[in-house]
Amino acid sequence: MVTGVTGVTGATGVTDADFETEVLGAELPVLVEFTAGWCPPCRQMGPVLKALAAEEGDRLKVVQLDVDSNPATTNTYKVLSMPTFMVFRGGEPVKAMVGARAKRKLLEELADVI
């Protein structure tokens, strides 16, 4: 885990510098929220992501990447809207979703990848 770095809404944050290690090299599937401090729906997802990380932490790693501070990763994955959620497994993106959603809906959408 990255120490001393938190995402926009308090979840673990990743950066361009550690994305490869923390996300692409992770043993578990990783849910990445591409987020921004100026994005109200992104802030609304903070408690949902914290709850998801707490409940599914043994099966899924949950992180946030601030798009304004980390343009290289944002551009690599062609993220244009916030929040965008991407699930990475084995170093590859396996699912992408755009827009805020309830925890129950998010869990339903993640069921096939975790």
C-alpha atoms as a PDB file:
ATOM      1  CA  MET A   1       0.000   0.000   0.000  1.00  0.00           C
ATOM      2  CA  VAL A   2       1.045   3.542  -0.605  1.00  0.00           C
ATOM      3  CA  THR A   3       1.654   5.341   2.637  1.00  0.00           C
ATOM      4  CA  GLY A   4       1.003   8.992   3.089  1.00  0.00           C
ATOM      5  CA  VAL A   5      -1.018   9.325  -0.120  1.00  0.00           C
ATOM      6  CA  THR A   6      -4.771   9.586  -0.053  1.00  0.00           C
ATOM      7  CA  GLY A   7      -7.170   9.967  -2.910  1.00  0.00           C
ATOM      8  CA  VAL A   8      -9.543  12.851  -3.414  1.00  0.00           C
ATOM      9  CA  THR A   9     -12.173  11.385  -1.101  1.00  0.00           C
ATOM     10  CA  GLY A  10      -9.962   9.557   1.369  1.00  0.00           C
ATOM     11  CA  ALA A  11      -9.396   6.160  -0.271  1.00  0.00           C
ATOM     12  CA  THR A  12      -5.867   4.990  -1.084  1.00  0.00           C
ATOM     13  CA  GLY A  13      -4.405   7.147  -3.804  1.00  0.00           C
ATOM     14  CA  VAL A  14      -2.188   6.073  -6.674  1.00  0.00           C
ATOM     15  CA  THR A  15      -0.134   8.246  -9.012  1.00  0.00           C
ATOM     16  CA  ASP A  16       1.485   8.065 -12.428  1.00  0.00           C
ATOM     17  CA  ALA A  17       4.697   7.126 -10.614  1.00  0.00           C
ATOM     18  CA  ASP A  18       3.333   4.100  -8.725  1.00  0.00           C
ATOM     19  CA  PHE A  19       0.440   2.991 -10.980  1.00  0.00           C
ATOM     20  CA  GLU A  20       2.451   0.144 -12.493  1.00  0.00           C
ATOM     21  CA  THR A  21       3.432  -1.249  -9.087  1.00  0.00           C
ATOM     22  CA  GLU A  22       0.192  -0.614  -7.185  1.00  0.00           C
ATOM     23  CA  VAL A  23      -2.317  -1.467  -9.921  1.00  0.00           C
ATOM     24  CA  LEU A  24      -0.761  -3.353 -12.813  1.00  0.00           C
ATOM     25  CA  GLY A  25       1.433  -5.454 -10.528  1.00  0.00           C
ATOM     26  CA  ALA A  26      -1.210  -6.160  -7.884  1.00  0.00           C
ATOM     27  CA  GLU A  27      -2.110  -9.744  -7.035  1.00  0.00           C
ATOM     28  CA  LEU A  28      -5.792  -8.928  -6.500  1.00  0.00           C
ATOM     29  CA  PRO A  29      -8.089  -7.338  -9.065  1.00  0.00           C
ATOM     30  CA  VAL A  30      -7.916  -3.535  -8.626  1.00  0.00           C
ATOM     31  CA  LEU A  31     -10.810  -1.082  -8.933  1.00  0.00           C
ATOM     32  CA  VAL A  32      -9.425   2.315  -9.930  1.00  0.00           C
ATOM     33  CA  GLU A  33     -11.591   5.394  -9.662  1.00  0.00           C
ATOM     34  CA  PHE A  34     -10.324   8.112 -11.992  1.00  0.00           C
ATOM     35  CA  THR A  35     -11.426  11.152 -10.033  1.00  0.00           C
ATOM     36  CA  ALA A  36     -10.998  14.892  -9.568  1.00  0.00           C
ATOM     37  CA  GLY A  37     -11.387  17.247  -6.627  1.00  0.00           C
ATOM     38  CA  TRP A  38     -13.742  19.511  -8.605  1.00  0.00           C
ATOM     39  CA  CYS A  39     -16.110  16.602  -9.471  1.00  0.00           C
ATOM     40  CA  PRO A  40     -19.206  16.386  -7.174  1.00  0.00           C
ATOM     41  CA  PRO A  41     -20.175  12.839  -8.290  1.00  0.00           C
ATOM     42  CA  CYS A  42     -16.589  11.756  -7.535  1.00  0.00           C
ATOM     43  CA  ARG A  43     -16.839  13.118  -3.985  1.00  0.00           C
ATOM     44  CA  GLN A  44     -20.185  11.350  -3.605  1.00  0.00           C
ATOM     45  CA  MET A  45     -18.431   8.033  -4.367  1.00  0.00           C
ATOM     46  CA  GLY A  46     -15.948   8.403  -1.473  1.00  0.00           C
ATOM     47  CA  PRO A  47     -18.052   6.661   1.205  1.00  0.00           C
ATOM     48  CA  VAL A  48     -19.126   3.989  -1.306  1.00  0.00           C
ATOM     49  CA  LEU A  49     -15.513   3.180  -2.179  1.00  0.00           C
ATOM     50  CA  LYS A  50     -14.448   3.140   1.470  1.00  0.00           C
ATOM     51  CA  ALA A  51     -17.263   0.699   2.299  1.00  0.00           C
ATOM     52  CA  LEU A  52     -16.428  -1.430  -0.733  1.00  0.00           C
ATOM     53  CA  ALA A  53     -12.741  -1.558   0.239  1.00  0.00           C
ATOM     54  CA  ALA A  54     -13.668  -2.572   3.790  1.00  0.00           C
ATOM     55  CA  GLU A  55     -16.116  -5.281   2.715  1.00  0.00           C
ATOM     56  CA  GLU A  56     -14.267  -6.702  -0.299  1.00  0.00           C
ATOM     57  CA  GLY A  57     -10.656  -6.013   0.686  1.00  0.00           C
ATOM     58  CA  ASP A  58      -9.738  -9.699   0.604  1.00  0.00           C
ATOM     59  CA  ARG A  59     -10.946  -9.986  -3.030  1.00  0.00           C
ATOM     60  CA  LEU A  60     -10.502  -6.487  -4.453  1.00  0.00           C
ATOM     61  CA  LYS A  61      -8.091  -3.585  -4.029  1.00  0.00           C
ATOM     62  CA  VAL A  62      -9.764  -0.152  -4.304  1.00  0.00           C
ATOM     63  CA  VAL A  63      -7.734   2.942  -5.235  1.00  0.00           C
ATOM     64  CA  GLN A  64      -8.227   6.434  -6.642  1.00  0.00           C
ATOM     65  CA  LEU A  65      -6.212   8.353  -9.204  1.00  0.00           C
ATOM     66  CA  ASP A  66      -6.571  12.133  -9.414  1.00  0.00           C
ATOM     67  CA  VAL A  67      -6.759  12.922 -13.135  1.00  0.00           C
ATOM     68  CA  ASP A  68      -5.484  16.488 -12.761  1.00  0.00           C
ATOM     69  CA  SER A  69      -2.306  15.403 -10.955  1.00  0.00           C
ATOM     70  CA  ASN A  70      -1.688  12.283 -13.055  1.00  0.00           C
ATOM     71  CA  PRO A  71      -2.221  13.053 -16.744  1.00  0.00           C
ATOM     72  CA  ALA A  72       0.000  10.266 -18.102  1.00  0.00           C
ATOM     73  CA  THR A  73      -2.105   7.412 -16.709  1.00  0.00           C
ATOM     74  CA  THR A  74      -5.335   9.278 -17.466  1.00  0.00           C
ATOM     75  CA  ASN A  75      -4.292   9.672 -21.123  1.00  0.00           C
ATOM     76  CA  THR A  76      -2.978   6.109 -21.411  1.00  0.00           C
ATOM     77  CA  TYR A  77      -6.428   4.737 -20.585  1.00  0.00           C
ATOM     78  CA  LYS A  78      -8.274   7.483 -22.522  1.00  0.00           C
ATOM     79  CA  VAL A  79     -10.314   8.618 -19.519  1.00  0.00           C
ATOM     80  CA  LEU A  80     -12.509  11.570 -20.499  1.00  0.00           C
ATOM     81  CA  SER A  81     -15.322  11.593 -17.910  1.00  0.00           C
ATOM     82  CA  MET A  82     -15.259  11.542 -14.126  1.00  0.00           C
ATOM     83  CA  PRO A  83     -15.773   9.391 -12.278  1.00  0.00           C
ATOM     84  CA  THR A  84     -14.563   6.549 -14.481  1.00  0.00           C
ATOM     85  CA  PHE A  85     -14.074   3.191 -12.815  1.00  0.00           C
ATOM     86  CA  MET A  86     -11.720   0.615 -14.310  1.00  0.00           C
ATOM     87  CA  VAL A  87     -11.022  -2.861 -13.045  1.00  0.00           C
ATOM     88  CA  PHE A  88      -7.532  -4.187 -13.707  1.00  0.00           C
ATOM     89  CA  ARG A  89      -6.689  -7.866 -13.394  1.00  0.00           C
ATOM     90  CA  GLY A  90      -3.313  -9.340 -14.290  1.00  0.00           C
ATOM     91  CA  GLY A  91      -2.072  -5.926 -15.386  1.00  0.00           C
ATOM     92  CA  GLU A  92      -4.850  -5.424 -17.939  1.00  0.00           C
ATOM     93  CA  PRO A  93      -8.079  -3.390 -17.843  1.00  0.00           C
ATOM     94  CA  VAL A  94     -10.971  -5.876 -17.884  1.00  0.00           C
ATOM     95  CA  LYS A  95     -13.938  -3.585 -17.257  1.00  0.00           C
ATOM     96  CA  ALA A  96     -14.756   0.131 -17.421  1.00  0.00           C
ATOM     97  CA  MET A  97     -17.778   2.038 -16.075  1.00  0.00           C
ATOM     98  CA  VAL A  98     -18.547   5.764 -16.146  1.00  0.00           C
ATOM     99  CA  GLY A  99     -20.585   7.699 -13.594  1.00  0.00           C
ATOM    100  CA  ALA A 100     -21.475   7.532  -9.916  1.00  0.00           C
ATOM    101  CA  ARG A 101     -23.559   4.620  -8.695  1.00  0.00           C
ATOM    102  CA  ALA A 102     -24.861   3.065  -5.484  1.00  0.00           C
ATOM    103  CA  LYS A 103     -22.699   0.466  -3.735  1.00  0.00           C
ATOM    104  CA  ARG A 104     -25.222  -2.296  -4.494  1.00  0.00           C
ATOM    105  CA  LYS A 105     -25.147  -1.461  -8.221  1.00  0.00           C
ATOM    106  CA  LEU A 106     -21.354  -1.221  -8.221  1.00  0.00           C
ATOM    107  CA  LEU A 107     -21.084  -4.649  -6.568  1.00  0.00           C
ATOM    108  CA  GLU A 108     -23.458  -6.130  -9.154  1.00  0.00           C
ATOM    109  CA  GLU A 109     -21.325  -4.710 -11.972  1.00  0.00           C
ATOM    110  CA  LEU A 110     -18.123  -6.037 -10.378  1.00  0.00           C
ATOM    111  CA  ALA A 111     -19.477  -9.549  -9.762  1.00  0.00           C
ATOM    112  CA  ASP A 112     -18.049 -10.984 -12.980  1.00  0.00           C
ATOM    113  CA  VAL A 113     -14.526  -9.637 -12.421  1.00  0.00           C
ATOM    114  CA  ILE A 114     -13.835 -10.284  -8.723  1.00  0.00           C
END
